[in-house]
Amino acid sequence: MSLLLAFEQGHIKTPYGDERSRKYTNTLEQELNRFGMQKDGKLESVGVHDDLAMSIALANWASKEFKGSVMLLDDYMPGFDEWFKGERDELFVP
């Protein structure tokens, strides 16, 4: 499934609840909008930064390539969600 289709079908959702998440989503949208198709058919970034866009594309690919073998970080790293949200200063790694 293409990245565009994954967004359109709701398989990928971006946060938009607080200022931090809105900034992230806006930055991701800008990066995704800077990709274009070259004459030789290759997709290429025409912007300076494409880290977020590439990470989303790789995660989308990996979710299909490794379907069934993906694990939740919370199962192995208790409190990961709180740390990621900035509600916790330290992350305990067993």
C-alpha atoms as a PDB file:
ATOM      1  CA  MET A   1       0.000   0.000   0.000  1.00  0.00           C
ATOM      2  CA  SER A   2       1.339   3.392  -0.916  1.00  0.00           C
ATOM      3  CA  LEU A   3       1.966   6.052   1.673  1.00  0.00           C
ATOM      4  CA  LEU A   4      -0.752   8.275   0.200  1.00  0.00           C
ATOM      5  CA  LEU A   5      -3.273   5.453   0.306  1.00  0.00           C
ATOM      6  CA  ALA A   6      -2.332   4.664   3.920  1.00  0.00           C
ATOM      7  CA  PHE A   7      -3.114   8.271   4.893  1.00  0.00           C
ATOM      8  CA  GLU A   8      -6.333   8.349   2.851  1.00  0.00           C
ATOM      9  CA  GLN A   9      -7.631   5.122   4.384  1.00  0.00           C
ATOM     10  CA  GLY A  10      -6.775   6.207   7.916  1.00  0.00           C
ATOM     11  CA  HIS A  11      -4.049   3.632   8.493  1.00  0.00           C
ATOM     12  CA  ILE A  12      -1.664   6.476   9.333  1.00  0.00           C
ATOM     13  CA  LYS A  13      -2.899   9.228  11.600  1.00  0.00           C
ATOM     14  CA  THR A  14      -0.928  12.212  12.817  1.00  0.00           C
ATOM     15  CA  PRO A  15      -1.460  13.942  16.160  1.00  0.00           C
ATOM     16  CA  TYR A  16      -3.029  17.377  16.353  1.00  0.00           C
ATOM     17  CA  GLY A  17      -4.047  17.790  20.002  1.00  0.00           C
ATOM     18  CA  ASP A  18      -1.547  20.200  21.504  1.00  0.00           C
ATOM     19  CA  GLU A  19       0.932  22.760  20.179  1.00  0.00           C
ATOM     20  CA  ARG A  20       3.810  20.252  20.077  1.00  0.00           C
ATOM     21  CA  SER A  21       1.823  17.718  18.052  1.00  0.00           C
ATOM     22  CA  ARG A  22       0.448  20.375  15.682  1.00  0.00           C
ATOM     23  CA  LYS A  23       4.003  21.566  15.012  1.00  0.00           C
ATOM     24  CA  TYR A  24       5.118  17.990  14.295  1.00  0.00           C
ATOM     25  CA  THR A  25       2.187  17.360  11.947  1.00  0.00           C
ATOM     26  CA  ASN A  26       2.729  20.639  10.087  1.00  0.00           C
ATOM     27  CA  THR A  27       6.437  19.869   9.646  1.00  0.00           C
ATOM     28  CA  LEU A  28       5.620  16.374   8.371  1.00  0.00           C
ATOM     29  CA  GLU A  29       3.108  17.792   5.877  1.00  0.00           C
ATOM     30  CA  GLN A  30       5.685  20.278   4.591  1.00  0.00           C
ATOM     31  CA  GLU A  31       8.261  17.534   4.113  1.00  0.00           C
ATOM     32  CA  LEU A  32       5.799  15.229   2.352  1.00  0.00           C
ATOM     33  CA  ASN A  33       4.752  18.041   0.016  1.00  0.00           C
ATOM     34  CA  ARG A  34       8.389  18.520  -1.062  1.00  0.00           C
ATOM     35  CA  PHE A  35       8.604  15.139  -2.790  1.00  0.00           C
ATOM     36  CA  GLY A  36       8.242  14.942  -6.537  1.00  0.00           C
ATOM     37  CA  MET A  37       8.506  12.444  -9.345  1.00  0.00           C
ATOM     38  CA  GLN A  38      11.575  12.809 -11.536  1.00  0.00           C
ATOM     39  CA  LYS A  39      11.575  12.194 -15.301  1.00  0.00           C
ATOM     40  CA  ASP A  40      13.163   8.786 -14.759  1.00  0.00           C
ATOM     41  CA  GLY A  41      10.294   7.775 -12.431  1.00  0.00           C
ATOM     42  CA  LYS A  42      12.221   8.089  -9.189  1.00  0.00           C
ATOM     43  CA  LEU A  43      10.687   9.828  -6.215  1.00  0.00           C
ATOM     44  CA  GLU A  44      12.968  12.525  -4.876  1.00  0.00           C
ATOM     45  CA  SER A  45      12.860  15.164  -2.167  1.00  0.00           C
ATOM     46  CA  VAL A  46      13.178  18.674  -3.543  1.00  0.00           C
ATOM     47  CA  GLY A  47      13.516  20.171  -0.075  1.00  0.00           C
ATOM     48  CA  VAL A  48      16.353  20.359   2.384  1.00  0.00           C
ATOM     49  CA  HIS A  49      14.862  18.201   5.135  1.00  0.00           C
ATOM     50  CA  ASP A  50      13.063  14.918   4.594  1.00  0.00           C
ATOM     51  CA  ASP A  51      13.804  12.961   7.786  1.00  0.00           C
ATOM     52  CA  LEU A  52      10.217  12.818   9.052  1.00  0.00           C
ATOM     53  CA  ALA A  53       8.817  11.935   5.632  1.00  0.00           C
ATOM     54  CA  MET A  54      11.382   9.179   5.151  1.00  0.00           C
ATOM     55  CA  SER A  55      10.769   7.752   8.624  1.00  0.00           C
ATOM     56  CA  ILE A  56       7.006   7.613   7.982  1.00  0.00           C
ATOM     57  CA  ALA A  57       7.603   5.964   4.595  1.00  0.00           C
ATOM     58  CA  LEU A  58       9.948   3.379   6.133  1.00  0.00           C
ATOM     59  CA  ALA A  59       7.539   2.670   8.986  1.00  0.00           C
ATOM     60  CA  ASN A  60       4.708   2.222   6.479  1.00  0.00           C
ATOM     61  CA  TRP A  61       6.822  -0.198   4.453  1.00  0.00           C
ATOM     62  CA  ALA A  62       7.923  -2.099   7.569  1.00  0.00           C
ATOM     63  CA  SER A  63       4.344  -2.458   8.799  1.00  0.00           C
ATOM     64  CA  LYS A  64       3.628  -4.532   5.700  1.00  0.00           C
ATOM     65  CA  GLU A  65       6.971  -6.267   5.348  1.00  0.00           C
ATOM     66  CA  PHE A  66       7.037  -7.474   8.952  1.00  0.00           C
ATOM     67  CA  LYS A  67       3.290  -7.811   9.576  1.00  0.00           C
ATOM     68  CA  GLY A  68       2.650 -10.126  12.490  1.00  0.00           C
ATOM     69  CA  SER A  69       6.089  -9.658  14.019  1.00  0.00           C
ATOM     70  CA  VAL A  70       5.652  -6.101  15.312  1.00  0.00           C
ATOM     71  CA  MET A  71       5.720  -5.637  19.088  1.00  0.00           C
ATOM     72  CA  LEU A  72       4.464  -2.824  21.287  1.00  0.00           C
ATOM     73  CA  LEU A  73       7.178  -0.883  23.080  1.00  0.00           C
ATOM     74  CA  ASP A  74       5.000  -0.657  26.197  1.00  0.00           C
ATOM     75  CA  ASP A  75       5.203  -4.435  26.491  1.00  0.00           C
ATOM     76  CA  TYR A  76       8.978  -4.182  26.902  1.00  0.00           C
ATOM     77  CA  MET A  77       9.461  -0.625  28.143  1.00  0.00           C
ATOM     78  CA  PRO A  78       6.884   0.207  30.825  1.00  0.00           C
ATOM     79  CA  GLY A  79       6.029   3.892  30.834  1.00  0.00           C
ATOM     80  CA  PHE A  80       7.151   4.543  27.255  1.00  0.00           C
ATOM     81  CA  ASP A  81       3.929   6.391  26.403  1.00  0.00           C
ATOM     82  CA  GLU A  82       4.306   8.755  29.358  1.00  0.00           C
ATOM     83  CA  TRP A  83       7.958   9.404  28.510  1.00  0.00           C
ATOM     84  CA  PHE A  84       7.150  10.032  24.845  1.00  0.00           C
ATOM     85  CA  LYS A  85       4.374  12.485  25.772  1.00  0.00           C
ATOM     86  CA  GLY A  86       6.790  14.376  28.013  1.00  0.00           C
ATOM     87  CA  GLU A  87       4.944  13.366  31.185  1.00  0.00           C
ATOM     88  CA  ARG A  88       7.983  11.526  32.516  1.00  0.00           C
ATOM     89  CA  ASP A  89      11.621  12.598  32.617  1.00  0.00           C
ATOM     90  CA  GLU A  90      13.348   9.249  32.543  1.00  0.00           C
ATOM     91  CA  LEU A  91      12.666   6.040  30.696  1.00  0.00           C
ATOM     92  CA  PHE A  92      13.310   2.781  32.482  1.00  0.00           C
ATOM     93  CA  VAL A  93      14.847   0.213  30.147  1.00  0.00           C
ATOM     94  CA  PRO A  94      14.896  -3.299  31.630  1.00  0.00           C
END
